[in-house]
Amino acid sequence: MRRSILMASQSPWMREHAPRFGFMRRTVTRFMPGEDVQDALTAARSLSTKGLRTVFTHLGENVALRSEAELVTQHYLSLIDRIRAAGLGTEISLKLTQLGLDLDPKFCYDNLSTLLEHTPPEKTLWIDMEQSPYVDVTLELFRRARKSHANIGVCLQAYLFRTEKDLDSLIPMGAAIRLVKGAYNEPAEIAYPVKKDVDENFLHLAQRLLSPEARRARVRAVLATHDRALIAKIIEWAASQGVPKDKVEFQMLYGIQRAEQIRLAQAGYPSGVLVAYGTFWYPWFMRRLAERPANVLFLARHFFSN
């Protein structure tokens, strides 16, 4: 089922037609507060009253025109200003294919540099990780940008076999790293196909990110999972190793495990919420369905009620 959903997320016909279906639009509101940036800002204000941090992402990927990538860059520049004006501590997360990576890596890097120069130094600008063919170039541009901008972070995916080796090079840099399980349709030759194995590797990589070596290097470790059993294991291990609570940072999606997000924040763990917005939500939404079977049931209820 997961593989079928991920294949559907790549269908051009579905991308064009699915957002028109009422039951799809009603379901997606569980995972995002709205399509407009003002919806995201309103959600961030509400979440901050509960002690929750926020990260914004403007949905979109694989832009095909330079003019479109330039518009995305201008949008994020404006967003940084609006976040500052609102007095929010919100950070930003983006995909390099939004900034023109498919068109020209140099063009993409120039857009990324513009955004980094506009980002306050105390806030991290996050680079999302995309499908496996983009990993090498994403890490290459990340390393290049970090030489002049310490406030850049990158996402790594626990389901890829290569990720532990990538950590070997990133931890000594003191990089900011957001660890996720992974949500793309990857072949079994390069990624763990079984959830149990992905969970075990996520725990192992989380321990690496919270290790004495990583803490000495001042790695910022963000552990992005909704799996409460996995969260409990990480917290238990971290406590046994004497890892301070403020170094064990969790992040989840808007609308999922809200009670757990608040519980973690109240317990003293930095707890963040990824708030997505924008009209290009179909492929992102389908990947969210593929991550958790409960999300598919949620969609089915809206379909039959429709």
Foldseek 3Di string as FASTA:
>chain_A
DLLVLQVLLPDPVCLVPVVVDPLSVVLCCLFFQEFDVVSVVVVQVVVVVLVAEEEEEEDDFQDDDQVQLVVVLVVLLVVQVVCVVSVHLYEYEYELRSNPVVPPLVSSLVSVLVNLVSHPLVAAYEYEDDDPVCVVSVVVSVVVSCVPRVRYAYEDALFFPCRVVVCVVVLLQLHAYEYDNDQHNDDVVGGPPDPVNSLVSLLVVLCVCQDPSSVVSNYQYEYEDLDVVSVVVNVVVCVVVVRDQASHHYEYTRNGPPVVQSVSSVVPHHHYYYHYHHDSCSSVVSSVCSVDVVSVVSSVVSVVVD
